[in-house]
C-alpha atoms as a PDB file:
ATOM      1  CA  MET A   1     185.996  43.563  -6.292  1.00  0.00           C
ATOM      2  CA  LYS A   2     187.640  43.118  -2.859  1.00  0.00           C
ATOM      3  CA  PHE A   3     186.079  44.605  -0.024  1.00  0.00           C
ATOM      4  CA  ARG A   4     189.098  45.176   2.863  1.00  0.00           C
ATOM      5  CA  SER A   5     188.175  45.995   6.531  1.00  0.00           C
ATOM      6  CA  ILE A   6     190.612  48.403   8.383  1.00  0.00           C
ATOM      7  CA  MET A   7     190.252  48.898  11.417  1.00  0.00           C
ATOM      8  CA  SER A   8     190.880  52.352  13.773  1.00  0.00           C
ATOM      9  CA  VAL A   9     190.228  52.680  17.211  1.00  0.00           C
ATOM     10  CA  SER A  10     189.296  55.467  19.183  1.00  0.00           C
ATOM     11  CA  PHE A  11     188.770  53.560  22.832  1.00  0.00           C
ATOM     12  CA  LEU A  12     190.383  50.134  23.197  1.00  0.00           C
ATOM     13  CA  ALA A  13     190.358  47.503  25.681  1.00  0.00           C
ATOM     14  CA  LEU A  14     192.071  43.754  25.501  1.00  0.00           C
ATOM     15  CA  ALA A  15     190.428  40.544  26.974  1.00  0.00           C
ATOM     16  CA  VAL A  16     193.039  38.197  27.152  1.00  0.00           C
ATOM     17  CA  SER A  17     191.537  34.561  27.730  1.00  0.00           C
ATOM     18  CA  ALA A  18     193.251  31.631  28.610  1.00  0.00           C
ATOM     19  CA  THR A  19     189.867  29.112  28.972  1.00  0.00           C
ATOM     20  CA  PRO A  20     186.533  29.611  28.778  1.00  0.00           C
ATOM     21  CA  GLN A  21     186.490  29.448  32.538  1.00  0.00           C
ATOM     22  CA  ALA A  22     188.206  32.336  32.502  1.00  0.00           C
ATOM     23  CA  HIS A  23     186.393  34.304  30.387  1.00  0.00           C
ATOM     24  CA  ALA A  24     183.328  34.232  32.430  1.00  0.00           C
ATOM     25  CA  LEU A  25     185.698  35.102  35.682  1.00  0.00           C
ATOM     26  CA  ALA A  26     185.709  38.514  33.737  1.00  0.00           C
ATOM     27  CA  THR A  27     182.099  39.851  34.279  1.00  0.00           C
ATOM     28  CA  SER A  28     182.675  40.589  37.898  1.00  0.00           C
ATOM     29  CA  THR A  29     186.397  41.488  38.285  1.00  0.00           C
ATOM     30  CA  PRO A  30     187.536  43.386  34.852  1.00  0.00           C
ATOM     31  CA  VAL A  31     191.223  44.742  35.469  1.00  0.00           C
ATOM     32  CA  MET A  32     191.767  48.320  34.098  1.00  0.00           C
ATOM     33  CA  ILE A  33     195.807  49.404  33.492  1.00  0.00           C
ATOM     34  CA  CYS A  34     196.118  52.465  32.005  1.00  0.00           C
ATOM     35  CA  ASN A  35     198.758  55.241  31.972  1.00  0.00           C
ATOM     36  CA  ASN A  36     197.342  58.276  34.297  1.00  0.00           C
ATOM     37  CA  CYS A  37     194.043  56.572  35.450  1.00  0.00           C
ATOM     38  CA  GLY A  38     193.385  59.566  37.511  1.00  0.00           C
ATOM     39  CA  ASN A  39     192.587  61.672  34.596  1.00  0.00           C
ATOM     40  CA  PRO A  40     188.899  62.604  35.022  1.00  0.00           C
ATOM     41  CA  VAL A  41     187.836  61.810  31.085  1.00  0.00           C
ATOM     42  CA  ILE A  42     189.735  58.482  31.559  1.00  0.00           C
ATOM     43  CA  GLN A  43     187.565  57.814  34.805  1.00  0.00           C
ATOM     44  CA  GLN A  44     184.175  58.998  33.299  1.00  0.00           C
ATOM     45  CA  ARG A  45     185.145  56.392  30.481  1.00  0.00           C
ATOM     46  CA  LEU A  46     185.366  53.425  33.112  1.00  0.00           C
ATOM     47  CA  ARG A  47     182.116  54.377  34.439  1.00  0.00           C
ATOM     48  CA  ASP A  48     180.219  54.303  31.037  1.00  0.00           C
ATOM     49  CA  GLU A  49     182.228  51.784  29.673  1.00  0.00           C
ATOM     50  CA  PHE A  50     182.183  49.369  32.632  1.00  0.00           C
ATOM     51  CA  GLY A  51     179.658  50.680  34.618  1.00  0.00           C
ATOM     52  CA  THR A  52     178.188  46.839  34.607  1.00  0.00           C
ATOM     53  CA  TYR A  53     180.962  45.664  36.687  1.00  0.00           C
ATOM     54  CA  SER A  54     180.865  45.017  40.360  1.00  0.00           C
ATOM     55  CA  THR A  55     184.701  45.803  41.039  1.00  0.00           C
ATOM     56  CA  GLN A  56     187.187  46.925  39.594  1.00  0.00           C
ATOM     57  CA  TYR A  57     190.769  46.800  39.375  1.00  0.00           C
ATOM     58  CA  VAL A  58     193.121  49.863  38.095  1.00  0.00           C
ATOM     59  CA  LEU A  59     196.450  49.558  37.458  1.00  0.00           C
ATOM     60  CA  ASP A  60     198.271  52.876  36.989  1.00  0.00           C
ATOM     61  CA  LEU A  61     201.631  52.193  34.873  1.00  0.00           C
ATOM     62  CA  ASP A  62     202.855  55.733  35.305  1.00  0.00           C
ATOM     63  CA  ARG A  63     202.022  55.890  39.056  1.00  0.00           C
ATOM     64  CA  GLY A  64     202.589  52.235  40.376  1.00  0.00           C
ATOM     65  CA  PHE A  65     199.958  51.513  42.066  1.00  0.00           C
ATOM     66  CA  ILE A  66     196.705  49.350  42.109  1.00  0.00           C
ATOM     67  CA  ARG A  67     193.002  51.093  42.619  1.00  0.00           C
ATOM     68  CA  ARG A  68     190.616  49.214  43.815  1.00  0.00           C
ATOM     69  CA  PHE A  69     186.986  50.316  43.100  1.00  0.00           C
ATOM     70  CA  ALA A  70     183.550  49.689  44.130  1.00  0.00           C
ATOM     71  CA  ARG A  71     180.527  49.812  41.984  1.00  0.00           C
ATOM     72  CA  HIS A  72     176.991  51.358  43.785  1.00  0.00           C
ATOM     73  CA  ALA A  73     173.533  50.677  42.689  1.00  0.00           C
ATOM     74  CA  ASP A  74     173.619  54.228  41.230  1.00  0.00           C
ATOM     75  CA  ARG A  75     176.549  53.373  39.190  1.00  0.00           C
ATOM     76  CA  THR A  76     178.549  55.578  40.991  1.00  0.00           C
ATOM     77  CA  TRP A  77     182.003  54.234  41.996  1.00  0.00           C
ATOM     78  CA  SER A  78     184.407  54.691  45.376  1.00  0.00           C
ATOM     79  CA  GLU A  79     187.435  53.783  46.276  1.00  0.00           C
ATOM     80  CA  ILE A  80     187.886  50.556  48.088  1.00  0.00           C
ATOM     81  CA  ALA A  81     191.540  50.195  48.611  1.00  0.00           C
ATOM     82  CA  VAL A  82     195.295  51.323  46.923  1.00  0.00           C
ATOM     83  CA  GLU A  83     197.548  48.715  46.634  1.00  0.00           C
ATOM     84  CA  ASP A  84     201.497  49.309  46.204  1.00  0.00           C
ATOM     85  CA  ALA A  85     202.412  48.371  42.740  1.00  0.00           C
ATOM     86  CA  GLU A  86     206.164  49.058  43.250  1.00  0.00           C
ATOM     87  CA  ARG A  87     206.690  45.297  42.720  1.00  0.00           C
ATOM     88  CA  ASN A  88     207.497  43.372  38.943  1.00  0.00           C
ATOM     89  CA  TYR A  89     205.412  44.472  36.371  1.00  0.00           C
ATOM     90  CA  PHE A  90     204.921  40.754  35.102  1.00  0.00           C
ATOM     91  CA  ASN A  91     204.719  39.676  38.729  1.00  0.00           C
ATOM     92  CA  ILE A  92     201.297  42.440  39.482  1.00  0.00           C
ATOM     93  CA  LEU A  93     200.137  40.953  35.681  1.00  0.00           C
ATOM     94  CA  MET A  94     200.168  36.968  36.999  1.00  0.00           C
ATOM     95  CA  GLU A  95     198.925  38.135  40.142  1.00  0.00           C
ATOM     96  CA  LEU A  96     195.902  40.143  38.817  1.00  0.00           C
ATOM     97  CA  TYR A  97     195.474  37.365  36.320  1.00  0.00           C
ATOM     98  CA  SER A  98     195.098  35.283  38.785  1.00  0.00           C
ATOM     99  CA  LYS A  99     192.312  36.591  40.757  1.00  0.00           C
ATOM    100  CA  THR A 100     190.285  37.709  37.534  1.00  0.00           C
ATOM    101  CA  GLY A 101     191.054  35.282  34.848  1.00  0.00           C
ATOM    102  CA  THR A 102     190.794  38.214  32.256  1.00  0.00           C
ATOM    103  CA  LEU A 103     192.737  41.420  31.832  1.00  0.00           C
ATOM    104  CA  PHE A 104     191.289  44.691  30.071  1.00  0.00           C
ATOM    105  CA  LEU A 105     194.338  46.742  28.938  1.00  0.00           C
ATOM    106  CA  THR A 106     193.582  50.512  27.974  1.00  0.00           C
ATOM    107  CA  ASP A 107     196.010  52.973  26.524  1.00  0.00           C
ATOM    108  CA  TYR A 108     195.910  57.156  27.640  1.00  0.00           C
ATOM    109  CA  GLN A 109     195.838  58.183  24.650  1.00  0.00           C
ATOM    110  CA  MET A 110     193.603  55.470  22.353  1.00  0.00           C
ATOM    111  CA  MET A 111     191.164  56.205  25.430  1.00  0.00           C
ATOM    112  CA  THR A 112     191.005  60.431  25.042  1.00  0.00           C
ATOM    113  CA  GLY A 113     191.446  59.974  21.293  1.00  0.00           C
ATOM    114  CA  ALA A 114     194.490  62.952  22.681  1.00  0.00           C
ATOM    115  CA  SER A 115     196.960  61.010  19.993  1.00  0.00           C
ATOM    116  CA  PHE A 116     197.154  58.623  17.601  1.00  0.00           C
ATOM    117  CA  THR A 117     200.619  57.837  17.088  1.00  0.00           C
ATOM    118  CA  GLY A 118     201.298  54.436  16.889  1.00  0.00           C
ATOM    119  CA  LEU A 119     198.305  53.875  15.741  1.00  0.00           C
ATOM    120  CA  GLN A 120     198.153  53.455  11.984  1.00  0.00           C
ATOM    121  CA  SER A 121     194.712  51.773  10.205  1.00  0.00           C
ATOM    122  CA  GLN A 122     196.281  48.211   8.534  1.00  0.00           C
ATOM    123  CA  PRO A 123     194.679  45.138   7.575  1.00  0.00           C
ATOM    124  CA  ILE A 124     193.568  42.775  10.474  1.00  0.00           C
ATOM    125  CA  SER A 125     195.464  39.783   9.384  1.00  0.00           C
ATOM    126  CA  LYS A 126     195.759  38.030   5.857  1.00  0.00           C
ATOM    127  CA  SER A 127     193.593  35.494   6.526  1.00  0.00           C
ATOM    128  CA  THR A 128     191.176  37.351   7.950  1.00  0.00           C
ATOM    129  CA  ALA A 129     191.143  40.213   5.247  1.00  0.00           C
ATOM    130  CA  GLU A 130     190.940  37.538   2.125  1.00  0.00           C
ATOM    131  CA  ARG A 131     187.840  35.380   4.170  1.00  0.00           C
ATOM    132  CA  MET A 132     186.261  39.010   4.170  1.00  0.00           C
ATOM    133  CA  ALA A 133     187.110  39.586   0.855  1.00  0.00           C
ATOM    134  CA  THR A 134     185.688  36.077   0.123  1.00  0.00           C
ATOM    135  CA  THR A 135     182.400  36.852   1.426  1.00  0.00           C
ATOM    136  CA  SER A 136     181.605  40.168   0.198  1.00  0.00           C
ATOM    137  CA  SER A 137     181.095  39.399  -4.052  1.00  0.00           C
ATOM    138  CA  ASP A 138     177.399  41.072  -2.685  1.00  0.00           C
ATOM    139  CA  PHE A 139     179.628  44.366  -2.769  1.00  0.00           C
ATOM    140  CA  ASP A 140     180.279  44.527  -6.468  1.00  0.00           C
ATOM    141  CA  GLY A 141     179.623  48.241  -7.256  1.00  0.00           C
ATOM    142  CA  ILE A 142     179.770  49.728  -4.211  1.00  0.00           C
ATOM    143  CA  SER A 143     182.149  52.673  -3.689  1.00  0.00           C
ATOM    144  CA  ALA A 144     182.112  54.814  -0.593  1.00  0.00           C
ATOM    145  CA  TRP A 145     180.114  57.840  -2.988  1.00  0.00           C
ATOM    146  CA  ASP A 146     177.340  55.520  -2.887  1.00  0.00           C
ATOM    147  CA  VAL A 147     177.886  54.882   0.998  1.00  0.00           C
ATOM    148  CA  ALA A 148     177.891  58.656   1.210  1.00  0.00           C
ATOM    149  CA  ASN A 149     174.731  59.310  -0.641  1.00  0.00           C
ATOM    150  CA  SER A 150     172.216  56.910  -0.399  1.00  0.00           C
ATOM    151  CA  GLY A 151     170.649  54.872   2.736  1.00  0.00           C
ATOM    152  CA  ALA A 152     170.674  51.344   0.617  1.00  0.00           C
ATOM    153  CA  PRO A 153     174.478  50.939  -0.086  1.00  0.00           C
ATOM    154  CA  ARG A 154     174.967  51.627   3.462  1.00  0.00           C
ATOM    155  CA  GLU A 155     172.383  49.324   5.163  1.00  0.00           C
ATOM    156  CA  LYS A 156     174.173  46.649   2.755  1.00  0.00           C
ATOM    157  CA  VAL A 157     177.215  47.211   3.877  1.00  0.00           C
ATOM    158  CA  VAL A 158     175.894  47.556   7.567  1.00  0.00           C
ATOM    159  CA  ALA A 159     174.378  44.351   7.154  1.00  0.00           C
ATOM    160  CA  HIS A 160     177.577  42.404   6.137  1.00  0.00           C
ATOM    161  CA  LEU A 161     179.138  43.726   9.616  1.00  0.00           C
ATOM    162  CA  ASN A 162     176.667  42.691  11.559  1.00  0.00           C
ATOM    163  CA  ALA A 163     177.232  39.344  10.235  1.00  0.00           C
ATOM    164  CA  THR A 164     180.564  39.254  10.616  1.00  0.00           C
ATOM    165  CA  GLN A 165     181.277  40.865  13.144  1.00  0.00           C
ATOM    166  CA  ASP A 166     182.467  37.895  15.256  1.00  0.00           C
ATOM    167  CA  SER A 167     185.734  37.853  12.380  1.00  0.00           C
ATOM    168  CA  LEU A 168     186.348  41.531  13.386  1.00  0.00           C
ATOM    169  CA  TRP A 169     189.672  41.862  15.461  1.00  0.00           C
ATOM    170  CA  VAL A 170     192.073  44.740  16.240  1.00  0.00           C
ATOM    171  CA  ARG A 171     195.496  45.168  16.742  1.00  0.00           C
ATOM    172  CA  LEU A 172     197.090  47.180  19.559  1.00  0.00           C
ATOM    173  CA  ALA A 173     199.860  49.408  19.076  1.00  0.00           C
ATOM    174  CA  GLY A 174     202.010  51.864  21.182  1.00  0.00           C
ATOM    175  CA  ASN A 175     202.099  51.415  24.673  1.00  0.00           C
ATOM    176  CA  ALA A 176     198.964  49.207  24.963  1.00  0.00           C
ATOM    177  CA  GLN A 177     201.124  46.520  21.843  1.00  0.00           C
ATOM    178  CA  MET A 178     203.976  46.199  24.416  1.00  0.00           C
ATOM    179  CA  ALA A 179     201.850  45.032  27.600  1.00  0.00           C
ATOM    180  CA  VAL A 180     200.119  42.637  24.850  1.00  0.00           C
ATOM    181  CA  GLY A 181     203.473  41.466  24.594  1.00  0.00           C
ATOM    182  CA  SER A 182     203.875  41.291  27.915  1.00  0.00           C
ATOM    183  CA  LEU A 183     200.378  38.913  27.980  1.00  0.00           C
ATOM    184  CA  ARG A 184     202.267  36.409  25.485  1.00  0.00           C
ATOM    185  CA  MET A 185     205.120  36.070  27.379  1.00  0.00           C
ATOM    186  CA  LEU A 186     203.451  35.727  30.348  1.00  0.00           C
ATOM    187  CA  PHE A 187     201.127  33.447  29.327  1.00  0.00           C
ATOM    188  CA  GLY A 188     202.473  31.499  26.918  1.00  0.00           C
ATOM    189  CA  VAL A 189     200.519  32.674  23.895  1.00  0.00           C
ATOM    190  CA  ASP A 190     201.990  32.471  20.390  1.00  0.00           C
ATOM    191  CA  ASN A 191     199.185  33.061  18.240  1.00  0.00           C
ATOM    192  CA  PRO A 192     198.867  36.646  18.168  1.00  0.00           C
ATOM    193  CA  ALA A 193     195.032  35.916  17.517  1.00  0.00           C
ATOM    194  CA  ASP A 194     194.356  34.703  21.000  1.00  0.00           C
ATOM    195  CA  VAL A 195     195.246  38.427  22.290  1.00  0.00           C
ATOM    196  CA  ARG A 196     192.872  40.208  20.256  1.00  0.00           C
ATOM    197  CA  LEU A 197     190.004  42.959  20.919  1.00  0.00           C
ATOM    198  CA  GLY A 198     186.402  42.616  19.715  1.00  0.00           C
ATOM    199  CA  VAL A 199     184.840  45.241  18.108  1.00  0.00           C
ATOM    200  CA  ARG A 200     181.280  44.716  20.064  1.00  0.00           C
ATOM    201  CA  GLU A 201     183.421  45.116  23.054  1.00  0.00           C
ATOM    202  CA  LEU A 202     184.777  48.139  22.101  1.00  0.00           C
ATOM    203  CA  ALA A 203     182.436  50.662  20.637  1.00  0.00           C
ATOM    204  CA  ALA A 204     185.125  51.021  17.293  1.00  0.00           C
ATOM    205  CA  GLN A 205     185.218  51.964  14.189  1.00  0.00           C
ATOM    206  CA  VAL A 206     185.852  50.226  11.151  1.00  0.00           C
ATOM    207  CA  HIS A 207     187.383  51.546   8.426  1.00  0.00           C
ATOM    208  CA  VAL A 208     185.753  50.102   4.838  1.00  0.00           C
ATOM    209  CA  THR A 209     187.912  50.688   1.856  1.00  0.00           C
ATOM    210  CA  PHE A 210     186.015  49.792  -1.621  1.00  0.00           C
ATOM    211  CA  GLY A 211     186.968  48.245  -4.827  1.00  0.00           C
ATOM    212  CA  ASP A 212     187.438  51.480  -6.125  1.00  0.00           C
ATOM    213  CA  GLY A 213     189.426  52.676  -3.209  1.00  0.00           C
ATOM    214  CA  SER A 214     187.326  54.968  -1.660  1.00  0.00           C
ATOM    215  CA  THR A 215     186.277  54.363   2.200  1.00  0.00           C
ATOM    216  CA  SER A 216     184.146  54.981   4.508  1.00  0.00           C
ATOM    217  CA  LYS A 217     183.397  54.424   8.546  1.00  0.00           C
ATOM    218  CA  PHE A 218     181.602  52.111  10.091  1.00  0.00           C
ATOM    219  CA  ALA A 219     181.260  52.554  14.295  1.00  0.00           C
ATOM    220  CA  TRP A 220     179.609  49.768  16.518  1.00  0.00           C
ATOM    221  CA  ASP A 221     176.886  50.687  18.920  1.00  0.00           C
ATOM    222  CA  PRO A 222     177.167  48.644  22.021  1.00  0.00           C
ATOM    223  CA  TYR A 223     173.445  50.110  22.963  1.00  0.00           C
ATOM    224  CA  ALA A 224     171.805  49.263  19.924  1.00  0.00           C
ATOM    225  CA  LYS A 225     174.231  46.433  18.827  1.00  0.00           C
ATOM    226  CA  THR A 226     174.614  47.662  15.575  1.00  0.00           C
ATOM    227  CA  PHE A 227     176.956  49.086  12.934  1.00  0.00           C
ATOM    228  CA  ALA A 228     176.264  52.672  11.957  1.00  0.00           C
ATOM    229  CA  TYR A 229     177.872  54.719   8.869  1.00  0.00           C
ATOM    230  CA  VAL A 230     180.143  57.411  10.514  1.00  0.00           C
ATOM    231  CA  PRO A 231     178.272  61.104   9.359  1.00  0.00           C
ATOM    232  CA  LYS A 232     181.061  62.778   6.995  1.00  0.00           C
ATOM    233  CA  SER A 233     183.402  59.739   7.100  1.00  0.00           C
ATOM    234  CA  SER A 234     183.496  58.851   3.474  1.00  0.00           C
ATOM    235  CA  ARG A 235     186.760  59.648   1.369  1.00  0.00           C
ATOM    236  CA  ASP A 236     187.989  58.831  -2.517  1.00  0.00           C
ATOM    237  CA  SER A 237     190.864  57.368  -3.433  1.00  0.00           C
ATOM    238  CA  ASP A 238     192.995  59.936  -2.934  1.00  0.00           C
ATOM    239  CA  SER A 239     191.913  60.915   0.689  1.00  0.00           C
ATOM    240  CA  ASN A 240     189.731  63.812  -0.487  1.00  0.00           C
ATOM    241  CA  ILE A 241     186.368  64.266   1.602  1.00  0.00           C
ATOM    242  CA  ILE A 242     183.241  62.784  -0.387  1.00  0.00           C
ATOM    243  CA  PRO A 243     180.476  64.742   1.223  1.00  0.00           C
ATOM    244  CA  ASP A 244     177.135  63.205   2.998  1.00  0.00           C
ATOM    245  CA  THR A 245     173.963  63.974   1.129  1.00  0.00           C
ATOM    246  CA  ALA A 246     172.146  66.895   2.733  1.00  0.00           C
ATOM    247  CA  ASP A 247     168.879  67.668   3.642  1.00  0.00           C
ATOM    248  CA  GLU A 248     166.881  67.986   0.083  1.00  0.00           C
ATOM    249  CA  VAL A 249     164.978  71.065  -0.924  1.00  0.00           C
ATOM    250  CA  THR A 250     162.300  70.976  -3.466  1.00  0.00           C
ATOM    251  CA  GLY A 251     161.055  73.861  -5.975  1.00  0.00           C
ATOM    252  CA  GLY A 252     159.187  73.705  -8.382  1.00  0.00           C
ATOM    253  CA  ASN A 253     161.350  70.758 -10.978  1.00  0.00           C
ATOM    254  CA  ASN A 254     164.553  71.404  -8.939  1.00  0.00           C
ATOM    255  CA  SER A 255     165.640  69.006  -6.674  1.00  0.00           C
ATOM    256  CA  ILE A 256     168.583  70.532  -4.839  1.00  0.00           C
ATOM    257  CA  ARG A 257     171.357  68.612  -2.273  1.00  0.00           C
ATOM    258  CA  GLN A 258     173.519  71.622  -1.023  1.00  0.00           C
ATOM    259  CA  TYR A 259     177.133  70.513  -0.657  1.00  0.00           C
ATOM    260  CA  ASP A 260     180.417  72.296   1.130  1.00  0.00           C
ATOM    261  CA  PHE A 261     183.368  71.325  -0.744  1.00  0.00           C
ATOM    262  CA  SER A 262     185.334  74.217   1.111  1.00  0.00           C
ATOM    263  CA  GLY A 263     188.018  74.073   2.617  1.00  0.00           C
ATOM    264  CA  THR A 264     188.573  70.267   1.514  1.00  0.00           C
ATOM    265  CA  PRO A 265     191.726  68.562   0.297  1.00  0.00           C
ATOM    266  CA  GLY A 266     191.327  68.626  -3.722  1.00  0.00           C
ATOM    267  CA  GLY A 267     187.605  70.386  -3.269  1.00  0.00           C
ATOM    268  CA  VAL A 268     187.464  70.985  -6.817  1.00  0.00           C
ATOM    269  CA  ASN A 269     188.291  68.290  -8.625  1.00  0.00           C
ATOM    270  CA  ASN A 270     186.011  66.591  -5.765  1.00  0.00           C
ATOM    271  CA  ALA A 271     182.886  68.517  -7.512  1.00  0.00           C
ATOM    272  CA  VAL A 272     184.021  67.201 -10.834  1.00  0.00           C
ATOM    273  CA  ARG A 273     184.076  63.855  -9.341  1.00  0.00           C
ATOM    274  CA  PHE A 274     180.724  63.859  -7.539  1.00  0.00           C
ATOM    275  CA  ASN A 275     179.434  65.440 -11.105  1.00  0.00           C
ATOM    276  CA  GLN A 276     180.281  62.350 -12.979  1.00  0.00           C
ATOM    277  CA  ARG A 277     178.802  60.312 -10.159  1.00  0.00           C
ATOM    278  CA  VAL A 278     175.787  61.675 -10.007  1.00  0.00           C
ATOM    279  CA  MET A 279     175.367  61.749 -13.797  1.00  0.00           C
ATOM    280  CA  LEU A 280     175.642  57.826 -13.559  1.00  0.00           C
ATOM    281  CA  TRP A 281     173.065  57.797 -10.918  1.00  0.00           C
ATOM    282  CA  ASN A 282     170.682  60.039 -12.748  1.00  0.00           C
ATOM    283  CA  VAL A 283     168.990  61.447 -10.013  1.00  0.00           C
ATOM    284  CA  SER A 284     165.370  62.979 -10.945  1.00  0.00           C
ATOM    285  CA  SER A 285     162.954  64.362  -8.634  1.00  0.00           C
ATOM    286  CA  PRO A 286     159.263  63.621  -9.015  1.00  0.00           C
ATOM    287  CA  ALA A 287     158.828  66.512 -11.131  1.00  0.00           C
ATOM    288  CA  ALA A 288     161.675  66.253 -13.403  1.00  0.00           C
ATOM    289  CA  SER A 289     163.062  63.309 -15.154  1.00  0.00           C
ATOM    290  CA  ALA A 290     166.774  64.953 -16.562  1.00  0.00           C
ATOM    291  CA  PRO A 291     170.322  63.815 -15.217  1.00  0.00           C
ATOM    292  CA  ALA A 292     170.696  66.033 -12.360  1.00  0.00           C
ATOM    293  CA  VAL A 293     174.208  67.975 -12.480  1.00  0.00           C
ATOM    294  CA  LEU A 294     175.864  69.370  -9.618  1.00  0.00           C
ATOM    295  CA  VAL A 295     176.370  73.400  -9.896  1.00  0.00           C
ATOM    296  CA  CYS A 296     178.867  74.931  -7.715  1.00  0.00           C
ATOM    297  CA  THR A 297     179.306  78.962  -6.835  1.00  0.00           C
ATOM    298  CA  GLN A 298     182.479  80.461  -5.402  1.00  0.00           C
ATOM    299  CA  VAL A 299     181.793  84.140  -3.859  1.00  0.00           C
ATOM    300  CA  ASP A 300     185.877  85.393  -4.330  1.00  0.00           C
ATOM    301  CA  SER A 301     188.030  83.359  -2.883  1.00  0.00           C
ATOM    302  CA  GLY A 302     185.629  81.699  -0.121  1.00  0.00           C
ATOM    303  CA  PRO A 303     183.471  78.775   0.018  1.00  0.00           C
ATOM    304  CA  ARG A 304     182.775  77.211  -2.712  1.00  0.00           C
ATOM    305  CA  TYR A 305     179.282  75.499  -2.553  1.00  0.00           C
ATOM    306  CA  CYS A 306     177.334  73.235  -4.260  1.00  0.00           C
ATOM    307  CA  ARG A 307     173.844  72.181  -5.209  1.00  0.00           C
ATOM    308  CA  LEU A 308     172.639  69.165  -7.398  1.00  0.00           C
ATOM    309  CA  GLN A 309     169.834  70.615  -9.302  1.00  0.00           C
ATOM    310  CA  GLN A 310     167.945  69.181 -12.352  1.00  0.00           C
END
């Protein structure tokens, strides 16, 4: 079975290092490059995501100026300078790179989640995808159905992602992709792998496609330093929603889990497929050993509710 990772990012930042020494400089003076940097949402993300840096350069692509901020002990920021940026864009990048050693690029739409135009999910690279496929033989038989409804498969995938996080990179698109092209031309970077995004620095989501074509999302938690399953993110091979296991209610000989298939594409077919999976699992409660069945009810044309019952 092949196990492929596809990346989808709601907040993006890019670290570009020409040398190890340059990378080290980034811990004190990063540069943010964004569109409409004055947007309150972006300002909040600057505070939340880059609050550990003492100095913050912000190059606003829309307004044509550079803002410089200072961070205070209480994690607040104050603007200490506004520099005219009505010069050649490449010269500005070069100047900032010479000051800081590393550039962090962000894109307004990516940061706010307002639009994902141009952010199509795509394989990382052929070589990376193949390497991950060869290291994922332990995932034979696991499906997004299992991930959505069982802790053990989730933990297995999380363990794999944690172990391979160094090779998980995200490709930029849209405006940020053009900026990356500028950096490659500026710094003579020929290998696209040298201009890349690390999952750990991004709180990014990884889209995992399993052998049966089903998918689940796992998000990087920068505070817990681990991946975690994204609730309600599993889809079958036709992009139908796979419901997560709801709170279990035990009554008599029944072990019941409630699922709401209302308003989901292919809801009826999804319920049938889910029932097939349930029969394979042979789910049982302490008081019953018979295979569970998915019992679905629908009032008029309203929501279709299903329960797992023995």
